[in-house]
Amino acid sequence: MQAMTRSERQELLDKGLLLPLMEEFYTIQGEGFHKGTAAYFIRVGGCDVGCHWCDVKESWLAELHPPTETSKIVENAAKYSNTIVVTGGEPLTWNMDELTSQLKAKGLQVHIETSGAYPLSGTWDWICLSPKKLKLPTDEVYKKANELKVIVYNKDDFRFAEEQAAKVSKNCILYLQPEWSKKDKVVPEIVDYVMANPKWKVSLQTHKYLNIP
């Protein structure tokens, strides 16, 4: 791409023609409904939700990640898999319309993993909503979420999970997932909770057990 001014670059970012790409990789989806599925991950930089236990804090500052042409991201993704997962950071910080329209034009299944803290943009085949207490989701994303994934760090997260479950549609699949550093403590609590409240399912970060990205 030819050199451009800061304002020109920002205009392209605002339109979603550039995205701050942190990394992209082909792996196995480790979490939630689609675990075990081969998928190409697009990790977009930028997030101000600020979860203290976040395991990709290096994604928070968008400025650290190069603005990358969306068309190039799509070209790379299409080489690997029919299932594309857009994650972050918080991908909805950015306009996702251009990225998803180009991916869909290639006949790909497009998923998003989001806190839902920003307005929903883009066209999605699957929305994994993982709400955070510090910045709650928008009303629209609650209604459109296909799965709700609540991270359990302590006992109060069960209360939070029920609050969030009351806001999604009746067809939304409900998951409780242990925060990795607390798994030895909270997994037994999650197991007991799901057995007592079987509308919930257990989600594990199986990619970490498989030692893959």
Protein backbone atom coordinates (compact mmCIF):
# COMPACT_ATOMS: atom_id res chain seq x y z
CA MET A 1 0.00 0.00 0.00
CA GLN A 2 1.29 3.45 -0.89
CA ALA A 3 2.15 5.89 1.88
CA MET A 4 -0.84 7.75 3.28
CA THR A 5 -1.53 10.47 5.78
CA ARG A 6 -2.78 9.76 9.26
CA SER A 7 -6.26 11.07 8.38
CA GLU A 8 -6.39 8.89 5.24
CA ARG A 9 -5.43 5.85 7.28
CA GLN A 10 -8.06 6.65 9.90
CA GLU A 11 -10.73 7.02 7.23
CA LEU A 12 -9.94 3.54 5.90
CA LEU A 13 -9.99 2.14 9.45
CA ASP A 14 -13.37 3.75 10.08
CA LYS A 15 -14.75 2.15 6.92
CA GLY A 16 -13.28 -1.24 7.79
CA LEU A 17 -11.07 -1.27 4.70
CA LEU A 18 -8.08 -1.47 7.04
CA LEU A 19 -8.01 -3.40 10.32
CA PRO A 20 -5.31 -3.50 13.02
CA LEU A 21 -4.33 -7.13 12.54
CA MET A 22 -2.63 -8.71 15.56
CA GLU A 23 -2.35 -12.24 14.19
CA GLU A 24 -4.03 -14.78 11.93
CA PHE A 25 -3.66 -18.54 12.18
CA TYR A 26 -5.22 -21.87 11.25
CA THR A 27 -6.01 -24.13 14.18
CA ILE A 28 -8.78 -26.05 15.96
CA GLN A 29 -11.56 -24.10 17.67
CA GLY A 30 -11.08 -24.97 21.32
CA GLU A 31 -14.17 -23.48 22.98
CA GLY A 32 -17.95 -23.46 22.94
CA PHE A 33 -20.37 -25.01 20.47
CA HIS A 34 -17.88 -25.39 17.60
CA LYS A 35 -15.01 -26.90 19.62
CA GLY A 36 -13.03 -29.43 17.64
CA THR A 37 -13.70 -27.66 14.32
CA ALA A 38 -10.83 -26.60 12.09
CA ALA A 39 -10.99 -22.81 11.79
CA TYR A 40 -8.98 -19.84 10.62
CA PHE A 41 -8.70 -17.17 13.31
CA ILE A 42 -8.41 -13.46 12.60
CA ARG A 43 -7.37 -11.61 15.77
CA VAL A 44 -7.99 -7.89 15.58
CA GLY A 45 -6.19 -5.50 17.92
CA GLY A 46 -7.92 -2.98 20.16
CA CYS A 47 -9.93 -3.46 23.35
CA ASP A 48 -10.83 -1.20 26.26
CA VAL A 49 -13.03 -3.64 28.21
CA GLY A 50 -10.07 -4.34 30.50
CA CYS A 51 -10.58 -7.82 31.98
CA HIS A 52 -7.84 -8.28 34.58
CA TRP A 53 -7.53 -11.98 33.74
CA CYS A 54 -7.34 -11.49 29.95
CA ASP A 55 -4.83 -13.90 28.39
CA VAL A 56 -4.19 -11.69 25.34
CA LYS A 57 -3.53 -8.30 26.92
CA GLU A 58 -1.07 -7.60 24.11
CA SER A 59 -4.18 -7.16 21.92
CA TRP A 60 -5.47 -4.18 23.88
CA LEU A 61 -3.53 -1.38 22.15
CA ALA A 62 -4.59 -1.20 18.52
CA GLU A 63 -1.62 1.06 17.76
CA LEU A 64 0.74 -1.88 18.30
CA HIS A 65 -0.76 -3.81 15.39
CA PRO A 66 -0.29 -2.86 11.74
CA PRO A 67 -3.29 -1.52 9.81
CA THR A 68 -3.77 -4.26 7.24
CA GLU A 69 -5.85 -4.22 4.08
CA THR A 70 -9.05 -6.14 4.70
CA SER A 71 -8.87 -7.66 1.22
CA LYS A 72 -5.48 -9.21 2.07
CA ILE A 73 -6.84 -10.63 5.33
CA VAL A 74 -9.70 -12.22 3.40
CA GLU A 75 -7.37 -13.57 0.72
CA ASN A 76 -5.25 -15.30 3.36
CA ALA A 77 -8.25 -16.68 5.25
CA ALA A 78 -9.83 -18.22 2.16
CA LYS A 79 -6.75 -20.40 1.58
CA TYR A 80 -7.22 -22.41 4.75
CA SER A 81 -10.74 -23.09 5.98
CA ASN A 82 -14.45 -22.73 5.38
CA THR A 83 -14.88 -21.55 8.98
CA ILE A 84 -13.49 -18.14 9.90
CA VAL A 85 -13.46 -16.88 13.51
CA VAL A 86 -13.02 -13.16 14.10
CA THR A 87 -11.78 -12.40 17.61
CA GLY A 88 -9.68 -9.89 19.51
CA GLY A 89 -9.17 -7.78 21.38
CA GLU A 90 -12.73 -6.63 20.85
CA PRO A 91 -13.48 -6.89 17.13
CA LEU A 92 -16.62 -4.76 17.34
CA THR A 93 -14.41 -1.79 18.18
CA TRP A 94 -14.11 -1.68 14.38
CA ASN A 95 -16.55 -1.70 11.49
CA MET A 96 -16.90 -5.36 10.52
CA ASP A 97 -19.18 -4.82 7.50
CA GLU A 98 -16.44 -4.91 4.86
CA LEU A 99 -14.60 -7.89 6.34
CA THR A 100 -17.69 -10.06 6.65
CA SER A 101 -19.11 -9.10 3.25
CA GLN A 102 -15.86 -10.09 1.56
CA LEU A 103 -15.63 -13.35 3.51
CA LYS A 104 -19.27 -14.21 2.76
CA ALA A 105 -18.70 -13.45 -0.92
CA LYS A 106 -16.22 -16.32 -0.91
CA GLY A 107 -18.83 -18.66 0.58
CA LEU A 108 -17.21 -18.86 4.01
CA GLN A 109 -18.86 -19.40 7.39
CA VAL A 110 -18.09 -16.36 9.53
CA HIS A 111 -18.10 -16.46 13.33
CA ILE A 112 -17.35 -13.76 15.90
CA GLU A 113 -16.21 -13.93 19.51
CA THR A 114 -17.19 -10.69 21.23
CA SER A 115 -17.96 -9.05 24.54
CA GLY A 116 -20.76 -7.24 22.73
CA ALA A 117 -19.72 -3.95 24.28
CA TYR A 118 -19.95 -2.06 20.97
CA PRO A 119 -22.69 -1.83 18.33
CA LEU A 120 -23.00 -4.94 16.20
CA SER A 121 -21.63 -4.56 12.67
CA GLY A 122 -21.02 -7.24 10.07
CA THR A 123 -23.02 -10.25 8.91
CA TRP A 124 -22.42 -13.35 11.02
CA ASP A 125 -23.28 -17.03 10.82
CA TRP A 126 -22.49 -17.49 14.50
CA ILE A 127 -22.16 -15.00 17.35
CA CYS A 128 -20.41 -16.12 20.53
CA LEU A 129 -21.23 -13.51 23.16
CA SER A 130 -18.90 -13.44 26.16
CA PRO A 131 -20.14 -10.52 28.29
CA LYS A 132 -17.96 -8.71 30.79
CA LYS A 133 -19.05 -6.89 33.95
CA LEU A 134 -16.98 -3.79 33.20
CA LYS A 135 -18.76 -3.00 29.92
CA LEU A 136 -22.03 -4.79 29.26
CA PRO A 137 -23.30 -5.84 25.82
CA THR A 138 -25.70 -3.85 23.66
CA ASP A 139 -29.35 -4.90 23.49
CA GLU A 140 -28.98 -5.95 19.85
CA VAL A 141 -26.20 -8.45 20.43
CA TYR A 142 -28.10 -10.09 23.31
CA LYS A 143 -30.97 -10.75 20.90
CA LYS A 144 -28.77 -12.12 18.12
CA ALA A 145 -26.26 -14.20 20.13
CA ASN A 146 -26.12 -17.90 19.22
CA GLU A 147 -24.14 -18.82 22.29
CA LEU A 148 -23.53 -17.12 25.61
CA LYS A 149 -20.15 -17.91 27.17
CA VAL A 150 -19.60 -16.62 30.69
CA ILE A 151 -16.10 -16.87 32.14
CA VAL A 152 -16.11 -18.04 35.76
CA TYR A 153 -13.36 -16.53 37.90
CA ASN A 154 -15.17 -16.55 41.26
CA LYS A 155 -18.56 -17.40 42.77
CA ASP A 156 -20.11 -14.03 41.86
CA ASP A 157 -19.78 -14.99 38.21
CA PHE A 158 -22.61 -17.50 38.61
CA ARG A 159 -24.91 -14.64 39.63
CA PHE A 160 -23.66 -12.59 36.67
CA ALA A 161 -24.21 -15.56 34.34
CA GLU A 162 -27.86 -15.82 35.30
CA GLU A 163 -28.36 -12.09 34.78
CA GLN A 164 -26.89 -12.41 31.29
CA ALA A 165 -28.85 -15.56 30.45
CA ALA A 166 -32.08 -13.67 31.16
CA LYS A 167 -31.25 -11.22 28.36
CA VAL A 168 -30.50 -13.59 25.45
CA SER A 169 -33.02 -15.43 23.27
CA LYS A 170 -34.45 -18.78 24.32
CA ASN A 171 -32.50 -20.48 21.51
CA CYS A 172 -29.13 -19.19 22.73
CA ILE A 173 -26.86 -21.97 24.04
CA LEU A 174 -25.53 -21.25 27.54
CA TYR A 175 -21.94 -22.03 28.56
CA LEU A 176 -19.90 -21.59 31.71
CA GLN A 177 -16.15 -21.63 31.15
CA PRO A 178 -13.48 -21.63 33.85
CA GLU A 179 -10.90 -18.87 33.76
CA TRP A 180 -7.72 -20.79 33.00
CA SER A 181 -5.64 -19.68 35.99
CA LYS A 182 -8.48 -20.62 38.36
CA LYS A 183 -9.56 -23.85 36.69
CA ASP A 184 -8.51 -26.17 39.51
CA LYS A 185 -10.71 -24.25 41.94
CA VAL A 186 -13.69 -23.32 39.79
CA VAL A 187 -14.12 -26.44 37.63
CA PRO A 188 -15.67 -28.44 40.52
CA GLU A 189 -17.96 -25.48 41.26
CA ILE A 190 -18.99 -25.25 37.60
CA VAL A 191 -19.68 -29.00 37.44
CA ASP A 192 -21.91 -28.79 40.52
CA TYR A 193 -23.68 -25.70 39.15
CA VAL A 194 -24.40 -27.25 35.75
CA MET A 195 -25.70 -30.44 37.34
CA ALA A 196 -28.04 -28.34 39.48
CA ASN A 197 -28.93 -26.03 36.57
CA PRO A 198 -28.86 -28.18 33.41
CA LYS A 199 -29.82 -25.34 31.06
CA TRP A 200 -26.07 -24.56 31.25
CA LYS A 201 -23.23 -26.50 29.60
CA VAL A 202 -19.54 -26.64 30.47
CA SER A 203 -17.06 -25.09 28.04
CA LEU A 204 -13.35 -25.79 28.43
CA GLN A 205 -10.39 -24.25 26.63
CA THR A 206 -9.57 -27.55 24.99
CA HIS A 207 -6.91 -25.99 22.73
CA LYS A 208 -4.81 -25.39 25.85
CA TYR A 209 -5.06 -29.05 26.80
CA LEU A 210 -4.09 -29.92 23.21
CA ASN A 211 -1.19 -27.42 23.40
CA ILE A 212 -2.20 -25.63 20.21
CA PRO A 213 -2.90 -21.92 19.56
